[in-house]
Amino acid sequence: MAKKIITQGAPETQPAQSKHEEFFLKYKNAIIGAVVALIVIICGIIFYNNHKKGQLKEAQTAMATPELSMQLGMSQLQQSTTMFDSKLFEQALNGDSTGTAMGFLKIADEYSSTKAGNLANLYAGLCYAHMDKWEDAVKYLEKFDDVDDYLISPAALGALGNAYAHVNQLDKAVSTLTKAAEKADNILMSPIYYIQAGEILEGQGKKADALKLYQKVKGMQSMSQSSPHVEMIDEYIERVSE
């Protein structure tokens, strides 16, 4: 499930907050892109599976209404994701001028009890993040229910954590990003979220807390794989240890 991703206590000073804004901007494209790519894959799988189910069960009238609702929701979601992939975020949110595609907001409302409606909340949040409308991004990302997918779940939490940071809910950002890192539990995603949370803590003057997160990243150096974030972690540790 890349373009923008990114909280509760306020930083000590405005300059401290501005100091770390560049860090958020540095990673927002990569993280949101990861979320989007994964969601598109999952949506495709869900759509295919439900389409097949619909073909096999179309004669079962007792199941017709929920099956049809699910199929229609996923069909609309697929149309809106096409616009999303084309960076037509306003249209992806509100639908196209022809009325063919409903848009994520309407899908989330009309198919709220389905997987399509749930995923539409996540997509809507990401659209608003791309548009730098962070209050709205938080609203819809919070509505997304965890699908318990080992890729989508941590990426969605990472997106929400970054959105919290953009609206200056820094404590929430730290908590959510840390949770995203723990849920990801891998060398590729976890270091990013731990470092982001650590940067926020540094901006709040909480160097000891930031150090704990950086040390978690340092501990990943023993894994067989590596990442640029792990390799550069000594710089972060040295900075907060001064």
Protein backbone atom coordinates (compact mmCIF):
# COMPACT_ATOMS: atom_id res chain seq x y z
CA MET A 1 0.00 0.00 0.00
CA ALA A 2 4.07 6.73 -2.81
CA LYS A 3 3.52 10.25 -2.02
CA LYS A 4 2.72 11.70 1.42
CA ILE A 5 2.73 10.13 4.81
CA ILE A 6 3.63 11.22 8.00
CA THR A 7 0.72 13.93 16.33
CA GLN A 8 -0.09 15.24 20.41
CA GLY A 9 2.23 17.16 22.66
CA ALA A 10 3.56 20.32 21.10
CA PRO A 11 7.23 20.81 20.35
CA GLU A 12 9.08 23.13 22.66
CA THR A 13 9.51 25.89 20.09
CA GLN A 14 8.32 26.64 16.58
CA PRO A 15 11.90 26.52 15.24
CA ALA A 16 12.23 22.97 16.59
CA GLN A 17 9.12 21.96 14.70
CA SER A 18 10.34 23.58 11.48
CA LYS A 19 13.68 21.85 11.87
CA HIS A 20 12.06 18.47 11.46
CA GLU A 21 9.53 19.40 8.78
CA GLU A 22 12.11 18.56 6.12
CA PHE A 23 12.35 15.04 7.52
CA PHE A 24 8.61 14.46 7.15
CA LEU A 25 8.65 15.78 3.60
CA LYS A 26 11.62 13.55 2.82
CA TYR A 27 9.71 10.36 3.56
CA LYS A 28 6.07 11.21 2.85
CA ASN A 29 6.20 10.24 -0.84
CA ALA A 30 7.81 6.87 -0.23
CA ILE A 31 5.49 5.84 2.59
CA ILE A 32 2.21 6.87 0.97
CA GLY A 33 3.32 5.20 -2.24
CA ALA A 34 3.94 1.98 -0.34
CA VAL A 35 0.46 2.17 1.18
CA VAL A 36 -1.15 2.82 -2.19
CA ALA A 37 0.67 0.05 -4.02
CA LEU A 38 -0.30 -2.51 -1.40
CA ILE A 39 -3.92 -1.38 -1.30
CA VAL A 40 -4.22 -1.63 -5.08
CA ILE A 41 -2.98 -5.21 -4.95
CA ILE A 42 -5.34 -6.15 -2.13
CA CYS A 43 -8.28 -4.43 -3.82
CA GLY A 44 -7.59 -6.37 -6.98
CA ILE A 45 -7.56 -9.65 -5.11
CA ILE A 46 -10.74 -8.83 -3.20
CA PHE A 47 -12.49 -7.66 -6.35
CA TYR A 48 -11.53 -10.80 -8.26
CA ASN A 49 -12.54 -13.12 -5.43
CA ASN A 50 -15.88 -11.45 -4.95
CA HIS A 51 -16.54 -11.39 -8.68
CA LYS A 52 -15.98 -15.14 -8.79
CA LYS A 53 -18.22 -15.63 -5.79
CA GLY A 54 -20.91 -13.59 -7.46
CA GLN A 55 -20.79 -15.77 -10.56
CA LEU A 56 -21.06 -18.94 -8.51
CA LYS A 57 -23.83 -17.70 -6.24
CA GLU A 58 -25.93 -15.48 -8.48
CA ALA A 59 -28.79 -17.95 -8.29
CA GLN A 60 -28.90 -17.83 -4.50
CA THR A 61 -31.42 -15.05 -3.91
CA ALA A 62 -30.94 -15.07 -0.16
CA MET A 63 -27.39 -13.89 -0.66
CA ALA A 64 -28.11 -11.59 -3.58
CA THR A 65 -28.32 -8.28 -1.72
CA PRO A 66 -25.08 -8.45 0.31
CA GLU A 67 -23.18 -10.01 -2.59
CA LEU A 68 -24.38 -7.35 -4.99
CA SER A 69 -23.53 -4.59 -2.52
CA MET A 70 -20.01 -5.94 -2.16
CA GLN A 71 -19.52 -6.31 -5.91
CA LEU A 72 -20.84 -2.83 -6.65
CA GLY A 73 -18.68 -1.32 -3.92
CA MET A 74 -15.51 -2.97 -5.19
CA SER A 75 -16.35 -2.03 -8.77
CA GLN A 76 -16.73 1.63 -7.78
CA LEU A 77 -13.58 1.47 -5.70
CA GLN A 78 -11.61 0.14 -8.64
CA GLN A 79 -12.75 3.05 -10.82
CA SER A 80 -11.77 5.60 -8.20
CA THR A 81 -8.37 3.99 -7.63
CA THR A 82 -7.67 4.45 -11.34
CA MET A 83 -8.13 8.20 -10.90
CA PHE A 84 -6.04 8.07 -7.74
CA ASP A 85 -3.19 6.38 -9.61
CA SER A 86 -3.43 9.18 -12.20
CA LYS A 87 -3.05 11.73 -9.37
CA LEU A 88 -6.58 13.05 -9.96
CA PHE A 89 -7.16 13.29 -6.24
CA GLU A 90 -10.16 15.65 -6.30
CA GLN A 91 -11.97 13.42 -8.77
CA ALA A 92 -10.95 10.29 -6.89
CA LEU A 93 -12.53 11.77 -3.77
CA ASN A 94 -15.74 13.16 -5.27
CA GLY A 95 -16.27 11.16 -8.47
CA ASP A 96 -15.97 12.12 -12.11
CA SER A 97 -18.12 14.60 -14.00
CA THR A 98 -20.01 11.84 -15.82
CA GLY A 99 -21.20 10.21 -12.62
CA THR A 100 -19.67 6.90 -13.63
CA ALA A 101 -17.32 6.80 -10.65
CA MET A 102 -18.76 7.64 -7.25
CA GLY A 103 -15.55 8.72 -5.56
CA PHE A 104 -14.07 7.51 -2.30
CA LEU A 105 -16.18 9.75 -0.07
CA LYS A 106 -19.48 8.42 -1.39
CA ILE A 107 -18.21 4.84 -1.48
CA ALA A 108 -17.14 5.14 2.15
CA ASP A 109 -20.61 6.39 3.04
CA GLU A 110 -22.85 4.12 0.93
CA TYR A 111 -20.79 0.94 1.39
CA SER A 112 -19.68 1.60 4.95
CA SER A 113 -20.40 -1.96 6.06
CA THR A 114 -18.25 -3.55 3.34
CA LYS A 115 -14.53 -4.00 2.72
CA ALA A 116 -14.87 -1.55 -0.18
CA GLY A 117 -16.20 1.14 2.14
CA ASN A 118 -13.44 0.51 4.64
CA LEU A 119 -10.72 0.74 2.01
CA ALA A 120 -12.38 3.87 0.61
CA ASN A 121 -11.75 5.55 3.99
CA LEU A 122 -8.06 4.75 3.69
CA TYR A 123 -7.90 5.98 0.10
CA ALA A 124 -9.77 9.16 1.02
CA GLY A 125 -7.28 9.84 3.79
CA LEU A 126 -4.39 9.38 1.39
CA CYS A 127 -6.03 11.68 -1.17
CA TYR A 128 -6.33 14.42 1.43
CA ALA A 129 -2.71 13.83 2.43
CA HIS A 130 -1.63 14.32 -1.18
CA MET A 131 -3.66 17.54 -1.23
CA ASP A 132 -2.07 18.75 2.04
CA LYS A 133 -5.46 18.76 3.76
CA TRP A 134 -4.19 17.11 6.88
CA GLU A 135 -7.19 17.56 9.17
CA ASP A 136 -9.32 15.71 6.63
CA ALA A 137 -6.57 13.14 6.15
CA VAL A 138 -6.61 12.38 9.88
CA LYS A 139 -10.41 12.13 9.89
CA TYR A 140 -10.57 9.44 7.22
CA LEU A 141 -7.42 7.56 8.19
CA GLU A 142 -8.87 7.23 11.68
CA LYS A 143 -12.05 5.75 10.19
CA PHE A 144 -10.13 2.96 8.51
CA ASP A 145 -10.50 -0.31 10.40
CA ASP A 146 -7.40 -2.45 10.62
CA VAL A 147 -7.63 -5.26 8.04
CA ASP A 148 -4.97 -7.23 9.90
CA ASP A 149 -2.78 -7.45 6.82
CA TYR A 150 0.95 -7.59 7.55
CA LEU A 151 1.67 -4.98 4.87
CA ILE A 152 -1.38 -2.70 4.74
CA SER A 153 -1.88 -2.44 8.50
CA PRO A 154 1.53 -0.97 9.42
CA ALA A 155 1.58 1.23 6.32
CA ALA A 156 -1.85 2.66 7.18
CA LEU A 157 -0.68 3.34 10.73
CA GLY A 158 2.42 5.02 9.33
CA ALA A 159 0.23 7.26 7.17
CA LEU A 160 -1.92 8.18 10.17
CA GLY A 161 1.13 8.88 12.32
CA ASN A 162 2.53 11.26 9.74
CA ALA A 163 -0.87 12.95 9.39
CA TYR A 164 -0.92 13.51 13.16
CA ALA A 165 2.49 15.12 12.90
CA HIS A 166 1.24 17.53 10.25
CA VAL A 167 -1.58 18.72 12.52
CA ASN A 168 0.82 19.06 15.44
CA GLN A 169 -0.60 16.17 17.47
CA LEU A 170 2.92 15.07 18.22
CA ASP A 171 2.34 12.62 21.06
CA LYS A 172 -0.22 10.78 18.94
CA ALA A 173 2.22 10.80 16.06
CA VAL A 174 4.96 9.21 18.15
CA SER A 175 2.61 6.57 19.56
CA THR A 176 1.13 5.69 16.17
CA LEU A 177 4.44 5.59 14.33
CA THR A 178 5.93 3.39 17.04
CA LYS A 179 2.94 1.07 16.76
CA ALA A 180 3.41 1.00 12.98
CA ALA A 181 7.06 0.03 13.41
CA GLU A 182 6.18 -2.76 15.84
CA LYS A 183 3.38 -4.06 13.63
CA ALA A 184 5.59 -4.03 10.53
CA ASP A 185 8.36 -5.90 12.34
CA ASN A 186 10.67 -5.89 9.33
CA ILE A 187 13.93 -4.29 8.26
CA LEU A 188 12.35 -2.26 5.47
CA MET A 189 9.47 -0.45 7.19
CA SER A 190 10.20 -0.52 10.92
CA PRO A 191 13.35 1.65 10.85
CA ILE A 192 11.51 4.40 8.94
CA TYR A 193 8.72 4.63 11.49
CA TYR A 194 11.05 4.40 14.50
CA ILE A 195 13.25 7.15 13.08
CA GLN A 196 10.28 9.36 12.29
CA ALA A 197 9.00 8.97 15.84
CA GLY A 198 12.50 9.65 17.16
CA GLU A 199 12.77 12.84 15.11
CA ILE A 200 9.52 14.10 16.61
CA LEU A 201 10.75 13.31 20.11
CA GLU A 202 13.96 15.19 19.39
CA GLY A 203 11.89 18.19 18.31
CA GLN A 204 10.14 18.00 21.69
CA GLY A 205 13.46 17.90 23.49
CA LYS A 206 12.94 14.28 24.57
CA LYS A 207 16.34 12.98 23.58
CA ALA A 208 16.34 10.03 25.98
CA ASP A 209 13.08 8.72 24.52
CA ALA A 210 14.37 9.27 20.98
CA LEU A 211 17.53 7.33 21.88
CA LYS A 212 15.47 4.30 22.90
CA LEU A 213 13.82 4.19 19.48
CA TYR A 214 17.10 4.67 17.65
CA GLN A 215 18.60 1.82 19.65
CA LYS A 216 15.77 -0.41 18.45
CA VAL A 217 16.83 0.39 14.90
CA LYS A 218 20.46 -0.25 15.85
CA GLY A 219 19.43 -3.70 17.06
CA MET A 220 18.20 -4.55 13.58
CA GLN A 221 21.77 -4.50 12.27
CA SER A 222 22.09 -8.15 13.23
CA MET A 223 19.45 -9.15 10.71
CA SER A 224 20.56 -10.71 7.46
CA GLN A 225 19.06 -7.85 5.46
CA SER A 226 19.89 -4.22 5.91
CA SER A 227 18.57 -0.82 4.89
CA PRO A 228 20.00 2.68 4.54
CA HIS A 229 18.09 3.70 7.67
CA VAL A 230 19.78 1.05 9.79
CA GLU A 231 23.19 1.81 8.35
CA MET A 232 22.90 5.53 9.20
CA ILE A 233 21.45 5.04 12.70
CA ASP A 234 24.78 5.64 14.45
CA GLU A 235 24.51 9.28 13.41
CA TYR A 236 21.14 9.59 15.10
CA ILE A 237 22.37 7.88 18.26
CA GLU A 238 25.42 10.11 18.45
CA ARG A 239 23.26 13.21 18.01
CA VAL A 240 20.94 12.47 20.94
CA SER A 241 23.77 11.17 23.13
CA GLU A 242 25.65 14.47 23.13
